[in-house]
């Protein structure tokens, strides 16, 4: 798979370690965000770019890391069509894929260590979305997102 891997400066070291690990697992990695631990970079821009690249089918999945993983999850989730899951354990990582078809996994470099992060990434990348009852639930989420977007567009048009 082609995996987007992005971070801000707070998670540069974790991103760097995960990059090598993901490649060892046999995946191609596209690196986003901070190129070193000294250059400050805001996480929203990284998350938006990665999420857009998923929507444009340039990536199969993505892993985003910042200090807590919360900001990356919120930012990526603002891009229509994206389901981002904050996971700090392997069970949640597995369920993010099997139950929610999450295209983006987020983690916090200041919350967990590199070895647990590697285990989480491995489980996430090995898990597949089976469809079934979960597909129906994911579709409900995506349909509601479209309803919100249509409503916002209609309000915008009325205002102009």
N, C-alpha and C. Protein backbone atom coordinates (compact mmCIF):
# COMPACT_ATOMS: atom_id res chain seq x y z
N UNK A 1 0.84 -1.18 0.00
CA UNK A 1 0.00 0.00 0.00
C UNK A 1 0.88 1.25 0.00
N UNK A 2 0.32 2.32 -0.48
CA UNK A 2 0.99 3.62 -0.45
C UNK A 2 0.46 4.38 0.77
N UNK A 3 1.35 4.64 1.73
CA UNK A 3 0.97 5.20 3.02
C UNK A 3 1.52 6.61 3.16
N UNK A 4 0.64 7.56 3.43
CA UNK A 4 1.07 8.91 3.77
C UNK A 4 1.46 8.93 5.23
N UNK A 5 2.57 9.55 5.54
CA UNK A 5 3.05 9.63 6.91
C UNK A 5 3.42 11.08 7.19
N UNK A 6 2.69 11.72 8.10
CA UNK A 6 2.92 13.12 8.37
C UNK A 6 3.03 13.43 9.85
N UNK A 7 3.76 14.51 10.13
CA UNK A 7 3.90 14.95 11.52
C UNK A 7 4.16 16.45 11.57
N UNK A 8 3.98 16.98 12.76
CA UNK A 8 4.49 18.31 13.05
C UNK A 8 5.86 18.11 13.70
N UNK A 9 6.47 19.19 14.15
CA UNK A 9 7.80 19.10 14.77
C UNK A 9 7.78 18.33 16.08
N UNK A 10 6.65 18.33 16.79
CA UNK A 10 6.56 17.62 18.07
C UNK A 10 6.68 16.11 17.92
N UNK A 11 6.38 15.61 16.75
CA UNK A 11 6.38 14.16 16.53
C UNK A 11 7.37 13.73 15.46
N UNK A 12 8.31 14.61 15.13
CA UNK A 12 9.26 14.28 14.07
C UNK A 12 10.00 12.97 14.33
N UNK A 13 10.50 12.78 15.54
CA UNK A 13 11.28 11.57 15.84
C UNK A 13 10.44 10.31 15.68
N UNK A 14 9.18 10.36 16.11
CA UNK A 14 8.32 9.20 15.93
C UNK A 14 8.05 8.96 14.46
N UNK A 15 7.78 10.02 13.70
CA UNK A 15 7.55 9.87 12.26
C UNK A 15 8.75 9.23 11.60
N UNK A 16 9.93 9.69 11.95
CA UNK A 16 11.16 9.17 11.36
C UNK A 16 11.32 7.67 11.63
N UNK A 17 11.05 7.25 12.86
CA UNK A 17 11.13 5.83 13.21
C UNK A 17 10.04 5.02 12.51
N UNK A 18 8.84 5.56 12.45
CA UNK A 18 7.73 4.84 11.80
C UNK A 18 7.96 4.70 10.29
N UNK A 19 8.60 5.68 9.70
CA UNK A 19 8.87 5.62 8.26
C UNK A 19 9.67 4.37 7.91
N UNK A 20 10.75 4.17 8.61
CA UNK A 20 11.58 2.97 8.37
C UNK A 20 10.78 1.70 8.63
N UNK A 21 10.02 1.69 9.71
CA UNK A 21 9.25 0.50 10.08
C UNK A 21 8.19 0.17 9.03
N UNK A 22 7.47 1.16 8.56
CA UNK A 22 6.43 0.94 7.55
C UNK A 22 7.04 0.40 6.25
N UNK A 23 8.21 0.92 5.91
CA UNK A 23 8.91 0.41 4.72
C UNK A 23 9.34 -1.03 4.93
N UNK A 24 9.79 -1.37 6.15
CA UNK A 24 10.16 -2.76 6.47
C UNK A 24 8.96 -3.68 6.32
N UNK A 25 7.77 -3.16 6.59
CA UNK A 25 6.54 -3.96 6.44
C UNK A 25 6.15 -4.14 4.97
N UNK A 26 6.87 -3.48 4.08
CA UNK A 26 6.64 -3.66 2.65
C UNK A 26 5.78 -2.61 1.99
N UNK A 27 5.56 -1.50 2.66
CA UNK A 27 4.71 -0.44 2.12
C UNK A 27 5.56 0.72 1.60
N UNK A 28 5.01 1.44 0.64
CA UNK A 28 5.64 2.67 0.16
C UNK A 28 5.19 3.80 1.08
N UNK A 29 6.11 4.69 1.44
CA UNK A 29 5.80 5.80 2.34
C UNK A 29 5.99 7.12 1.60
N UNK A 30 4.99 7.98 1.72
CA UNK A 30 5.09 9.35 1.23
C UNK A 30 5.16 10.22 2.48
N UNK A 31 6.26 10.96 2.63
CA UNK A 31 6.55 11.74 3.83
C UNK A 31 5.97 13.15 3.72
N UNK A 32 5.26 13.57 4.76
CA UNK A 32 4.65 14.91 4.82
C UNK A 32 5.08 15.59 6.11
N UNK A 33 5.13 16.89 6.07
CA UNK A 33 5.32 17.64 7.29
C UNK A 33 6.76 17.97 7.60
N UNK A 34 7.04 18.02 8.87
CA UNK A 34 8.33 18.47 9.35
C UNK A 34 9.47 17.60 8.83
N UNK A 35 10.51 18.27 8.34
CA UNK A 35 11.68 17.55 7.82
C UNK A 35 12.76 17.42 8.86
N UNK A 36 12.63 18.10 9.97
CA UNK A 36 13.55 17.96 11.08
C UNK A 36 12.84 18.37 12.36
N UNK A 37 13.45 18.08 13.48
CA UNK A 37 12.78 18.33 14.76
C UNK A 37 12.89 19.78 15.20
N UNK A 38 13.64 20.59 14.49
CA UNK A 38 13.84 21.98 14.89
C UNK A 38 12.92 22.95 14.16
N UNK A 39 12.49 22.60 12.97
CA UNK A 39 11.65 23.49 12.18
C UNK A 39 10.20 23.34 12.61
N UNK A 40 9.64 24.40 13.20
CA UNK A 40 8.26 24.34 13.67
C UNK A 40 7.31 24.33 12.48
N UNK A 41 6.32 23.45 12.54
CA UNK A 41 5.31 23.35 11.49
C UNK A 41 3.96 23.10 12.15
N UNK A 42 2.93 23.75 11.66
CA UNK A 42 1.59 23.58 12.21
C UNK A 42 0.93 22.32 11.65
N UNK A 43 0.36 21.52 12.53
CA UNK A 43 -0.22 20.25 12.12
C UNK A 43 -1.43 20.37 11.19
N UNK A 44 -2.29 21.40 11.28
CA UNK A 44 -3.46 21.40 10.39
C UNK A 44 -3.10 21.32 8.91
N UNK A 45 -2.10 22.06 8.49
CA UNK A 45 -1.71 22.03 7.08
C UNK A 45 -1.27 20.66 6.62
N UNK A 46 -0.55 19.97 7.48
CA UNK A 46 -0.10 18.60 7.16
C UNK A 46 -1.32 17.68 7.03
N UNK A 47 -2.22 17.76 8.00
CA UNK A 47 -3.41 16.91 7.99
C UNK A 47 -4.28 17.18 6.76
N UNK A 48 -4.47 18.46 6.42
CA UNK A 48 -5.29 18.80 5.25
C UNK A 48 -4.67 18.27 3.97
N UNK A 49 -3.36 18.41 3.82
CA UNK A 49 -2.68 17.94 2.61
C UNK A 49 -2.80 16.42 2.47
N UNK A 50 -2.56 15.71 3.56
CA UNK A 50 -2.66 14.24 3.53
C UNK A 50 -4.09 13.81 3.22
N UNK A 51 -5.06 14.42 3.88
CA UNK A 51 -6.46 14.06 3.66
C UNK A 51 -6.87 14.33 2.21
N UNK A 52 -6.44 15.45 1.67
CA UNK A 52 -6.73 15.74 0.26
C UNK A 52 -6.11 14.70 -0.66
N UNK A 53 -4.89 14.28 -0.35
CA UNK A 53 -4.23 13.28 -1.19
C UNK A 53 -4.94 11.92 -1.10
N UNK A 54 -5.54 11.61 0.03
CA UNK A 54 -6.35 10.39 0.13
C UNK A 54 -7.58 10.53 -0.76
N UNK A 55 -8.25 11.67 -0.67
CA UNK A 55 -9.43 11.89 -1.51
C UNK A 55 -9.11 11.83 -2.99
N UNK A 56 -7.92 12.27 -3.36
CA UNK A 56 -7.50 12.24 -4.77
C UNK A 56 -6.87 10.90 -5.15
N UNK A 57 -6.94 9.93 -4.25
CA UNK A 57 -6.45 8.56 -4.46
C UNK A 57 -4.96 8.50 -4.75
N UNK A 58 -4.22 9.44 -4.20
CA UNK A 58 -2.76 9.42 -4.30
C UNK A 58 -2.16 8.54 -3.20
N UNK A 59 -2.98 8.25 -2.17
CA UNK A 59 -2.58 7.42 -1.03
C UNK A 59 -3.67 6.40 -0.75
N UNK A 60 -3.26 5.26 -0.22
CA UNK A 60 -4.23 4.25 0.21
C UNK A 60 -4.72 4.53 1.62
N UNK A 61 -3.79 4.88 2.50
CA UNK A 61 -4.10 5.22 3.89
C UNK A 61 -3.05 6.19 4.38
N UNK A 62 -3.24 6.69 5.60
CA UNK A 62 -2.27 7.61 6.17
C UNK A 62 -2.15 7.45 7.67
N UNK A 63 -1.00 7.84 8.17
CA UNK A 63 -0.72 7.87 9.59
C UNK A 63 -0.19 9.26 9.90
N UNK A 64 -0.84 9.93 10.85
CA UNK A 64 -0.47 11.28 11.23
C UNK A 64 -0.14 11.32 12.71
N UNK A 65 0.96 11.96 13.04
CA UNK A 65 1.37 12.06 14.44
C UNK A 65 1.68 13.51 14.80
N UNK A 66 1.23 13.89 15.98
CA UNK A 66 1.57 15.19 16.56
C UNK A 66 1.79 14.92 18.04
N UNK A 67 1.74 15.93 18.87
CA UNK A 67 1.99 15.72 20.30
C UNK A 67 1.03 14.73 20.93
N UNK A 68 -0.28 14.93 20.72
CA UNK A 68 -1.29 14.04 21.30
C UNK A 68 -2.03 13.20 20.26
N UNK A 69 -1.99 13.59 19.00
CA UNK A 69 -2.77 12.94 17.96
C UNK A 69 -4.15 13.54 17.80
N UNK A 70 -4.57 14.32 18.79
CA UNK A 70 -5.92 14.89 18.77
C UNK A 70 -6.07 15.92 17.66
N UNK A 71 -5.14 16.84 17.59
CA UNK A 71 -5.21 17.89 16.57
C UNK A 71 -5.21 17.33 15.17
N UNK A 72 -4.36 16.35 14.92
CA UNK A 72 -4.30 15.73 13.60
C UNK A 72 -5.64 15.07 13.26
N UNK A 73 -6.24 14.38 14.23
CA UNK A 73 -7.53 13.71 13.99
C UNK A 73 -8.62 14.73 13.68
N UNK A 74 -8.65 15.81 14.45
CA UNK A 74 -9.67 16.83 14.22
C UNK A 74 -9.48 17.47 12.85
N UNK A 75 -8.26 17.86 12.53
CA UNK A 75 -7.99 18.54 11.26
C UNK A 75 -8.27 17.63 10.07
N UNK A 76 -7.77 16.41 10.09
CA UNK A 76 -8.01 15.49 8.96
C UNK A 76 -9.50 15.22 8.79
N UNK A 77 -10.20 15.09 9.91
CA UNK A 77 -11.63 14.82 9.87
C UNK A 77 -12.48 15.96 9.34
N UNK A 78 -11.92 17.15 9.23
CA UNK A 78 -12.65 18.29 8.66
C UNK A 78 -12.71 18.21 7.14
N UNK A 79 -11.87 17.40 6.54
CA UNK A 79 -11.87 17.26 5.09
C UNK A 79 -12.99 16.29 4.72
N UNK A 80 -13.95 16.74 3.92
CA UNK A 80 -15.08 15.87 3.56
C UNK A 80 -14.60 14.53 2.99
N UNK A 81 -15.26 13.48 3.46
CA UNK A 81 -14.94 12.14 2.99
C UNK A 81 -13.91 11.41 3.82
N UNK A 82 -13.29 12.09 4.76
CA UNK A 82 -12.20 11.48 5.54
C UNK A 82 -12.71 11.03 6.90
N UNK A 83 -12.31 9.82 7.26
CA UNK A 83 -12.57 9.27 8.58
C UNK A 83 -11.21 9.05 9.24
N UNK A 84 -10.93 9.85 10.26
CA UNK A 84 -9.66 9.77 10.98
C UNK A 84 -9.91 9.22 12.37
N UNK A 85 -9.05 8.33 12.81
CA UNK A 85 -9.23 7.68 14.11
C UNK A 85 -7.98 7.86 14.97
N UNK A 86 -8.15 8.42 16.16
CA UNK A 86 -7.09 8.54 17.13
C UNK A 86 -7.00 7.22 17.89
N UNK A 87 -5.86 6.57 17.81
CA UNK A 87 -5.69 5.25 18.44
C UNK A 87 -4.38 5.18 19.20
N UNK A 88 -4.47 4.75 20.46
CA UNK A 88 -3.27 4.53 21.26
C UNK A 88 -3.19 3.10 21.77
N UNK A 89 -3.95 2.21 21.14
CA UNK A 89 -3.88 0.79 21.47
C UNK A 89 -4.21 -0.02 20.21
N UNK A 90 -3.81 -1.27 20.19
CA UNK A 90 -3.98 -2.10 18.99
C UNK A 90 -5.44 -2.46 18.73
N UNK A 91 -6.23 -2.64 19.78
CA UNK A 91 -7.64 -2.98 19.55
C UNK A 91 -8.36 -1.84 18.83
N UNK A 92 -8.16 -0.62 19.28
CA UNK A 92 -8.79 0.53 18.62
C UNK A 92 -8.30 0.66 17.19
N UNK A 93 -7.02 0.42 16.96
CA UNK A 93 -6.46 0.50 15.60
C UNK A 93 -7.12 -0.52 14.69
N UNK A 94 -7.31 -1.73 15.18
CA UNK A 94 -7.98 -2.77 14.40
C UNK A 94 -9.42 -2.38 14.10
N UNK A 95 -10.13 -1.91 15.13
CA UNK A 95 -11.54 -1.55 14.96
C UNK A 95 -11.69 -0.31 14.07
N UNK A 96 -10.71 0.59 14.08
CA UNK A 96 -10.80 1.77 13.22
C UNK A 96 -10.91 1.36 11.76
N UNK A 97 -10.33 0.25 11.42
CA UNK A 97 -10.39 -0.25 10.06
C UNK A 97 -11.59 -1.19 9.87
N UNK A 98 -11.74 -2.17 10.77
CA UNK A 98 -12.78 -3.18 10.60
C UNK A 98 -14.19 -2.65 10.81
N UNK A 99 -14.35 -1.66 11.68
CA UNK A 99 -15.68 -1.12 11.94
C UNK A 99 -15.94 0.20 11.25
N UNK A 100 -14.88 1.00 11.02
CA UNK A 100 -15.08 2.37 10.56
C UNK A 100 -14.42 2.70 9.23
N UNK A 101 -13.66 1.78 8.67
CA UNK A 101 -12.98 2.03 7.39
C UNK A 101 -12.22 3.35 7.43
N UNK A 102 -11.52 3.60 8.53
CA UNK A 102 -10.77 4.85 8.69
C UNK A 102 -9.57 4.86 7.75
N UNK A 103 -9.49 5.92 6.95
CA UNK A 103 -8.36 6.05 6.03
C UNK A 103 -7.15 6.64 6.73
N UNK A 104 -7.38 7.27 7.89
CA UNK A 104 -6.30 7.94 8.61
C UNK A 104 -6.25 7.47 10.05
N UNK A 105 -5.06 7.10 10.48
CA UNK A 105 -4.77 6.74 11.87
C UNK A 105 -3.95 7.88 12.45
N UNK A 106 -4.33 8.37 13.64
CA UNK A 106 -3.52 9.39 14.30
C UNK A 106 -3.06 8.88 15.65
N UNK A 107 -1.89 9.37 16.05
CA UNK A 107 -1.31 9.00 17.34
C UNK A 107 -0.57 10.19 17.91
N UNK A 108 -0.31 10.14 19.22
CA UNK A 108 0.42 11.20 19.90
C UNK A 108 1.79 10.75 20.34
N UNK A 109 2.81 11.45 19.86
CA UNK A 109 4.19 11.10 20.20
C UNK A 109 4.51 11.39 21.67
N UNK A 110 3.74 12.28 22.29
CA UNK A 110 3.97 12.58 23.70
C UNK A 110 3.09 11.73 24.61
N UNK A 111 2.30 10.84 23.98
CA UNK A 111 1.37 10.01 24.73
C UNK A 111 1.82 8.55 24.80
N UNK A 112 2.38 8.07 23.69
CA UNK A 112 2.85 6.68 23.65
C UNK A 112 4.28 6.64 23.11
N UNK A 113 4.95 5.55 23.39
CA UNK A 113 6.31 5.35 22.91
C UNK A 113 6.34 4.74 21.52
N UNK A 114 7.53 4.64 20.97
CA UNK A 114 7.69 4.18 19.59
C UNK A 114 7.32 2.70 19.44
N UNK A 115 7.64 1.86 20.39
CA UNK A 115 7.30 0.43 20.23
C UNK A 115 5.79 0.19 20.23
N UNK A 116 5.03 0.78 21.17
CA UNK A 116 3.58 0.65 21.04
C UNK A 116 3.06 1.24 19.73
N UNK A 117 3.64 2.36 19.30
CA UNK A 117 3.21 2.98 18.04
C UNK A 117 3.44 2.04 16.87
N UNK A 118 4.55 1.35 16.85
CA UNK A 118 4.84 0.39 15.77
C UNK A 118 3.80 -0.74 15.78
N UNK A 119 3.47 -1.25 16.96
CA UNK A 119 2.46 -2.31 17.05
C UNK A 119 1.11 -1.83 16.54
N UNK A 120 0.75 -0.61 16.90
CA UNK A 120 -0.53 -0.02 16.46
C UNK A 120 -0.55 0.12 14.94
N UNK A 121 0.54 0.63 14.38
CA UNK A 121 0.64 0.80 12.93
C UNK A 121 0.54 -0.55 12.22
N UNK A 122 1.22 -1.55 12.73
CA UNK A 122 1.19 -2.88 12.11
C UNK A 122 -0.24 -3.43 12.08
N UNK A 123 -0.92 -3.35 13.21
CA UNK A 123 -2.30 -3.85 13.28
C UNK A 123 -3.20 -3.06 12.34
N UNK A 124 -3.07 -1.75 12.33
CA UNK A 124 -3.88 -0.90 11.45
C UNK A 124 -3.68 -1.26 9.99
N UNK A 125 -2.42 -1.41 9.59
CA UNK A 125 -2.14 -1.69 8.18
C UNK A 125 -2.53 -3.12 7.77
N UNK A 126 -2.55 -4.03 8.72
CA UNK A 126 -2.94 -5.42 8.41
C UNK A 126 -4.45 -5.62 8.44
N UNK A 127 -5.18 -4.70 9.02
CA UNK A 127 -6.64 -4.84 9.15
C UNK A 127 -7.32 -4.35 7.88
N UNK A 128 -8.40 -5.03 7.52
CA UNK A 128 -9.17 -4.69 6.32
C UNK A 128 -10.62 -4.44 6.71
N UNK A 129 -11.27 -3.58 5.96
CA UNK A 129 -12.68 -3.29 6.17
C UNK A 129 -13.51 -4.40 5.52
N UNK A 130 -14.32 -5.13 6.32
CA UNK A 130 -15.06 -6.26 5.77
C UNK A 130 -16.41 -5.90 5.15
N UNK A 131 -16.87 -4.66 5.35
CA UNK A 131 -18.19 -4.30 4.85
C UNK A 131 -19.26 -4.78 5.82
N UNK A 132 -20.28 -5.45 5.29
CA UNK A 132 -21.35 -5.97 6.14
C UNK A 132 -22.09 -4.88 6.89
N UNK A 133 -22.47 -5.17 8.16
CA UNK A 133 -23.19 -4.19 8.98
C UNK A 133 -22.41 -2.90 9.15
N UNK A 134 -21.08 -3.01 9.18
CA UNK A 134 -20.26 -1.81 9.35
C UNK A 134 -20.38 -0.89 8.14
N UNK A 135 -20.51 -1.45 6.96
CA UNK A 135 -20.63 -0.63 5.75
C UNK A 135 -21.89 0.24 5.83
N UNK A 136 -22.95 -0.32 6.35
CA UNK A 136 -24.19 0.43 6.49
C UNK A 136 -23.99 1.61 7.43
N UNK A 137 -23.28 1.39 8.52
CA UNK A 137 -23.06 2.45 9.51
C UNK A 137 -22.12 3.54 8.96
N UNK A 138 -21.08 3.12 8.28
CA UNK A 138 -20.17 4.09 7.67
C UNK A 138 -20.93 4.92 6.64
N UNK A 139 -21.81 4.29 5.87
CA UNK A 139 -22.59 5.01 4.87
C UNK A 139 -23.50 6.04 5.53
N UNK A 140 -24.06 5.71 6.68
CA UNK A 140 -24.90 6.67 7.41
C UNK A 140 -24.09 7.92 7.78
N UNK A 141 -22.86 7.71 8.20
CA UNK A 141 -21.99 8.83 8.54
C UNK A 141 -21.70 9.68 7.30
N UNK A 142 -21.38 9.02 6.22
CA UNK A 142 -21.04 9.74 4.99
C UNK A 142 -22.26 10.48 4.42
N UNK A 143 -23.42 9.87 4.53
CA UNK A 143 -24.65 10.53 4.08
C UNK A 143 -24.93 11.78 4.91
N UNK A 144 -24.76 11.70 6.22
CA UNK A 144 -24.99 12.86 7.09
C UNK A 144 -23.99 13.97 6.76
N UNK A 145 -22.76 13.60 6.48
CA UNK A 145 -21.77 14.60 6.09
C UNK A 145 -22.22 15.33 4.82
N UNK A 146 -22.73 14.60 3.86
CA UNK A 146 -23.22 15.22 2.62
C UNK A 146 -24.42 16.14 2.90
N UNK A 147 -25.30 15.73 3.80
CA UNK A 147 -26.43 16.58 4.18
C UNK A 147 -25.93 17.90 4.78
N UNK A 148 -24.97 17.83 5.67
CA UNK A 148 -24.40 19.03 6.28
C UNK A 148 -23.77 19.92 5.22
N UNK A 149 -23.02 19.33 4.29
CA UNK A 149 -22.36 20.11 3.25
C UNK A 149 -23.38 20.80 2.35
N UNK A 150 -24.45 20.07 1.99
CA UNK A 150 -25.51 20.67 1.16
C UNK A 150 -26.19 21.82 1.90
N UNK A 151 -26.45 21.63 3.18
CA UNK A 151 -27.08 22.67 3.99
C UNK A 151 -26.20 23.90 4.10
N UNK A 152 -24.91 23.70 4.29
CA UNK A 152 -23.98 24.82 4.38
C UNK A 152 -23.89 25.56 3.06
N UNK A 153 -23.89 24.83 1.97
CA UNK A 153 -23.82 25.46 0.64
C UNK A 153 -25.09 26.29 0.38
N UNK A 154 -26.24 25.75 0.77
CA UNK A 154 -27.50 26.46 0.58
C UNK A 154 -27.53 27.75 1.41
N UNK A 155 -27.03 27.69 2.65
CA UNK A 155 -26.98 28.89 3.50
C UNK A 155 -26.02 29.92 2.90
N UNK A 156 -24.93 29.46 2.36
CA UNK A 156 -23.95 30.36 1.75
C UNK A 156 -24.54 31.05 0.53
N UNK A 157 -25.26 30.27 -0.26
CA UNK A 157 -25.86 30.83 -1.48
C UNK A 157 -26.94 31.86 -1.14
N UNK A 158 -27.74 31.60 -0.10
CA UNK A 158 -28.78 32.55 0.31
C UNK A 158 -28.15 33.85 0.81
N UNK A 159 -27.01 33.74 1.44
CA UNK A 159 -26.34 34.92 1.98
C UNK A 159 -25.74 35.79 0.89
N UNK A 160 -25.55 35.24 -0.29
CA UNK A 160 -24.94 36.01 -1.37
C UNK A 160 -25.95 36.23 -2.42
